[in-house]
Amino acid sequence: MSGANHPEQPPHTPTPRPGGRSARVRAEVVAATLAEVTATGYDGLTVEAVATRSGVHKATLYRRWCGVDGLVADALTASADQPWPLPDTGDLQQDLRRITHEVFSVFTDPELGPTPTALISAAQRSDAGATALRAFFATRHRQAAEVAERAVARGELPAGTDGAEVVRAATAPLYYRLFVSGEPLDARSAERAADAATLAARAGLFTPAEDATATPTAPEAGPAT
């Protein structure tokens, strides 16, 4: 739900044509939104401030983004569109450790961490932002699922393993500490989360469950005595 200074707007994500002025405007607006939300948080974020920082008229921002919630949502959408190089060490545990270490490194870096922290926190404050945040993580998990798919191909994991679930299991403990419990996040915690997800994946916990509704087959009757 939106805050008092942010009247609720219908979810809206602009769809500018690739390249050209529209793409440049979007890039400028996204950059300005990230800078402003980092500096002020969701409560201080305004269309007017983004307009001033980006040089894009506020009427354009209202028309294309429908207010601050649309700006936050599109900043997440733009982030999900960025390429994410994945590790390929030939070993699932090491790949997952590198992924969780990257999350740890970014969010605990004094210079890099405040922006994604502020953006995720802002997204949790509005319906449009929350929807975009779910889509962002779904996209990232699908991308990173490749590390588990390669492990299946190597015979390291059971066939049918859900790669996105493996990555979700590895990274979820980190985001829990960052955005739910507020517990400190350290490199060992990140490594431990990757190791736990690896053990669970190798045990087959991320393969489709058997049909629980199937009727068990009765054992054949033995010879009468």
Protein backbone atom coordinates (compact mmCIF):
# COMPACT_ATOMS: atom_id res chain seq x y z
CA MET A 1 0.00 0.00 0.00
CA SER A 2 1.23 3.46 -0.83
CA GLY A 3 2.26 5.98 1.80
CA ALA A 4 0.40 9.21 2.54
CA ASN A 5 2.61 11.24 0.23
CA HIS A 6 2.28 8.71 -2.58
CA PRO A 7 -1.31 8.40 -3.82
CA GLU A 8 -1.91 4.91 -5.09
CA GLN A 9 -1.58 4.63 -8.85
CA PRO A 10 -2.53 1.73 -11.11
CA PRO A 11 0.41 -0.58 -11.84
CA HIS A 12 2.14 0.69 -14.93
CA THR A 13 5.38 -0.16 -16.66
CA PRO A 14 6.34 1.86 -19.72
CA THR A 15 7.25 -0.01 -22.85
CA PRO A 16 9.49 2.34 -24.83
CA ARG A 17 10.69 1.28 -28.26
CA PRO A 18 14.22 -0.11 -28.36
CA GLY A 19 16.83 2.56 -28.99
CA GLY A 20 16.21 6.17 -29.85
CA ARG A 21 15.08 9.02 -27.63
CA SER A 22 12.53 6.92 -25.75
CA ALA A 23 15.21 4.51 -24.53
CA ARG A 24 17.49 7.39 -23.54
CA VAL A 25 14.70 9.05 -21.58
CA ARG A 26 13.95 5.81 -19.78
CA ALA A 27 17.61 5.29 -18.89
CA GLU A 28 17.85 8.84 -17.52
CA VAL A 29 14.66 8.43 -15.50
CA VAL A 30 15.72 5.06 -14.08
CA ALA A 31 19.13 6.46 -13.08
CA ALA A 32 17.48 9.46 -11.43
CA THR A 33 14.99 7.24 -9.61
CA LEU A 34 17.77 5.05 -8.25
CA ALA A 35 19.74 8.08 -7.10
CA GLU A 36 16.73 9.68 -5.42
CA VAL A 37 15.44 6.54 -3.68
CA THR A 38 18.97 5.88 -2.39
CA ALA A 39 19.21 9.40 -1.02
CA THR A 40 15.72 9.80 0.41
CA GLY A 41 14.06 6.39 0.64
CA TYR A 42 10.49 5.74 -0.47
CA ASP A 43 8.98 8.35 1.83
CA GLY A 44 11.11 11.12 0.35
CA LEU A 45 10.84 10.05 -3.29
CA THR A 46 8.90 12.52 -5.46
CA VAL A 47 8.18 12.86 -9.15
CA GLU A 48 9.41 16.45 -8.98
CA ALA A 49 12.82 15.39 -7.63
CA VAL A 50 13.20 12.72 -10.31
CA ALA A 51 12.19 15.25 -12.96
CA THR A 52 14.80 17.73 -11.74
CA ARG A 53 17.57 15.16 -11.54
CA SER A 54 16.77 13.51 -14.89
CA GLY A 55 15.91 16.65 -16.84
CA VAL A 56 12.65 15.02 -17.96
CA HIS A 57 9.51 17.11 -17.51
CA LYS A 58 7.31 15.92 -14.68
CA ALA A 59 4.29 15.81 -17.01
CA THR A 60 6.12 13.15 -19.01
CA LEU A 61 6.86 11.20 -15.84
CA TYR A 62 3.23 11.25 -14.76
CA ARG A 63 2.04 10.30 -18.24
CA ARG A 64 4.43 7.38 -18.73
CA TRP A 65 5.08 6.22 -15.17
CA CYS A 66 1.95 7.36 -13.30
CA GLY A 67 3.88 8.54 -10.25
CA VAL A 68 6.52 7.26 -7.87
CA ASP A 69 5.22 3.69 -7.66
CA GLY A 70 5.57 3.31 -11.40
CA LEU A 71 9.08 4.78 -11.23
CA VAL A 72 10.14 2.26 -8.58
CA ALA A 73 8.56 -0.62 -10.49
CA ASP A 74 10.31 0.31 -13.73
CA ALA A 75 13.66 0.69 -11.99
CA LEU A 76 13.31 -2.95 -10.94
CA THR A 77 12.22 -4.00 -14.43
CA ALA A 78 15.27 -2.26 -15.91
CA SER A 79 17.52 -3.97 -13.36
CA ALA A 80 16.14 -7.39 -14.28
CA ASP A 81 16.97 -6.67 -17.93
CA GLN A 82 20.68 -6.27 -17.13
CA PRO A 83 22.89 -9.26 -17.98
CA TRP A 84 24.07 -11.36 -15.05
CA PRO A 85 27.25 -13.35 -15.76
CA LEU A 86 26.96 -16.71 -14.03
CA PRO A 87 29.82 -18.76 -12.58
CA ASP A 88 30.73 -22.00 -14.32
CA THR A 89 33.26 -23.82 -12.15
CA GLY A 90 32.11 -27.31 -13.06
CA ASP A 91 30.84 -27.89 -9.52
CA LEU A 92 27.39 -26.89 -8.22
CA GLN A 93 28.54 -26.11 -4.69
CA GLN A 94 31.22 -23.72 -5.91
CA ASP A 95 28.83 -22.08 -8.37
CA LEU A 96 26.25 -21.50 -5.64
CA ARG A 97 28.91 -20.21 -3.27
CA ARG A 98 29.94 -17.64 -5.88
CA ILE A 99 26.34 -16.56 -6.38
CA THR A 100 25.67 -16.12 -2.67
CA HIS A 101 29.02 -14.38 -2.21
CA GLU A 102 28.05 -11.92 -4.93
CA VAL A 103 24.78 -11.14 -3.12
CA PHE A 104 26.69 -10.74 0.14
CA SER A 105 29.35 -8.55 -1.46
CA VAL A 106 26.92 -6.21 -3.19
CA PHE A 107 24.56 -5.66 -0.28
CA THR A 108 27.30 -5.18 2.32
CA ASP A 109 29.46 -2.90 0.17
CA PRO A 110 29.31 0.65 1.60
CA GLU A 111 29.13 2.18 -1.87
CA LEU A 112 27.15 -0.40 -3.85
CA GLY A 113 24.80 -1.71 -1.17
CA PRO A 114 22.61 1.32 -0.37
CA THR A 115 20.99 1.47 -3.82
CA PRO A 116 19.63 -2.11 -4.12
CA THR A 117 18.72 -2.03 -0.43
CA ALA A 118 16.74 1.19 -0.84
CA LEU A 119 15.09 -0.02 -4.06
CA ILE A 120 13.89 -3.31 -2.57
CA SER A 121 12.70 -1.56 0.57
CA ALA A 122 10.77 0.95 -1.56
CA ALA A 123 9.25 -1.80 -3.69
CA GLN A 124 7.78 -3.41 -0.59
CA ARG A 125 5.79 -0.24 0.07
CA SER A 126 3.51 -0.32 -2.99
CA ASP A 127 1.46 -2.85 -4.94
CA ALA A 128 3.14 -1.96 -8.24
CA GLY A 129 6.58 -2.16 -6.66
CA ALA A 130 5.85 -5.49 -4.98
CA THR A 131 4.65 -6.95 -8.28
CA ALA A 132 7.79 -5.74 -10.03
CA LEU A 133 9.95 -7.11 -7.21
CA ARG A 134 8.43 -10.58 -7.58
CA ALA A 135 9.01 -10.43 -11.32
CA PHE A 136 12.60 -9.27 -10.76
CA PHE A 137 13.44 -12.22 -8.52
CA ALA A 138 11.60 -14.66 -10.79
CA THR A 139 13.72 -13.46 -13.72
CA ARG A 140 16.96 -13.70 -11.75
CA HIS A 141 16.12 -17.18 -10.50
CA ARG A 142 15.32 -18.36 -14.04
CA GLN A 143 18.62 -16.95 -15.27
CA ALA A 144 20.65 -18.50 -12.46
CA ALA A 145 18.86 -21.84 -12.81
CA GLU A 146 21.44 -22.60 -15.50
CA VAL A 147 24.01 -23.53 -12.85
CA ALA A 148 21.74 -26.31 -11.59
CA GLU A 149 20.79 -27.37 -15.11
CA ARG A 150 24.47 -27.83 -15.92
CA ALA A 151 24.82 -29.89 -12.74
CA VAL A 152 21.96 -32.14 -13.91
CA ALA A 153 23.69 -32.58 -17.27
CA ARG A 154 26.92 -33.57 -15.48
CA GLY A 155 25.03 -36.16 -13.45
CA GLU A 156 25.65 -34.23 -10.25
CA LEU A 157 21.93 -33.68 -9.57
CA PRO A 158 18.87 -35.87 -10.18
CA ALA A 159 17.02 -35.44 -13.45
CA GLY A 160 14.05 -33.11 -13.13
CA THR A 161 15.69 -30.85 -10.53
CA ASP A 162 14.07 -27.42 -10.49
CA GLY A 163 17.06 -25.13 -10.99
CA ALA A 164 15.22 -21.97 -10.00
CA GLU A 165 14.24 -23.57 -6.69
CA VAL A 166 17.86 -24.51 -6.03
CA VAL A 167 18.98 -20.91 -6.51
CA ARG A 168 16.05 -19.62 -4.46
CA ALA A 169 17.00 -21.91 -1.59
CA ALA A 170 20.61 -20.72 -1.73
CA THR A 171 19.84 -17.01 -1.71
CA ALA A 172 16.70 -16.82 0.44
CA PRO A 173 18.56 -16.98 3.79
CA LEU A 174 20.61 -13.96 2.75
CA TYR A 175 17.57 -11.85 1.86
CA TYR A 176 15.89 -12.97 5.08
CA ARG A 177 18.75 -11.52 7.09
CA LEU A 178 18.89 -8.37 4.98
CA PHE A 179 15.19 -7.49 4.85
CA VAL A 180 13.35 -9.48 7.53
CA SER A 181 15.36 -10.30 10.64
CA GLY A 182 18.00 -7.59 10.36
CA GLU A 183 20.65 -10.05 11.51
CA PRO A 184 24.18 -9.33 10.33
CA LEU A 185 25.18 -10.97 7.07
CA ASP A 186 28.71 -12.26 6.73
CA ALA A 187 30.66 -14.31 4.22
CA ARG A 188 30.31 -17.51 6.26
CA SER A 189 26.52 -17.16 6.35
CA ALA A 190 26.49 -16.76 2.57
CA GLU A 191 28.69 -19.81 2.12
CA ARG A 192 26.60 -21.89 4.51
CA ALA A 193 23.40 -21.04 2.60
CA ALA A 194 24.99 -22.23 -0.65
CA ASP A 195 26.21 -25.44 0.98
CA ALA A 196 22.78 -26.23 2.46
CA ALA A 197 21.08 -25.71 -0.92
CA THR A 198 23.68 -27.97 -2.57
CA LEU A 199 23.07 -30.79 -0.09
CA ALA A 200 19.30 -30.48 -0.49
CA ALA A 201 19.57 -30.49 -4.29
CA ARG A 202 21.82 -33.55 -4.33
CA ALA A 203 19.32 -35.32 -2.05
CA GLY A 204 16.61 -34.75 -4.64
CA LEU A 205 14.52 -32.29 -2.62
CA PHE A 206 13.97 -30.04 -5.63
CA THR A 207 12.57 -32.68 -7.95
CA PRO A 208 8.81 -33.00 -8.57
CA ALA A 209 7.00 -34.73 -5.73
CA GLU A 210 5.24 -37.98 -6.48
CA ASP A 211 1.51 -37.73 -6.97
CA ALA A 212 0.18 -37.85 -3.44
CA THR A 213 -3.34 -38.51 -4.70
CA ALA A 214 -2.48 -41.78 -6.39
CA THR A 215 -4.19 -44.78 -4.86
CA PRO A 216 -1.62 -47.21 -3.45
CA THR A 217 -1.61 -50.57 -5.18
CA ALA A 218 -2.68 -53.35 -2.83
CA PRO A 219 -0.18 -56.20 -2.51
CA GLU A 220 -1.12 -59.35 -4.28
CA ALA A 221 -2.68 -61.99 -2.03
CA GLY A 222 -0.48 -64.91 -1.27
CA PRO A 223 -1.52 -68.54 -1.68
CA ALA A 224 -4.28 -69.72 0.66
CA THR A 225 -3.10 -71.83 3.53
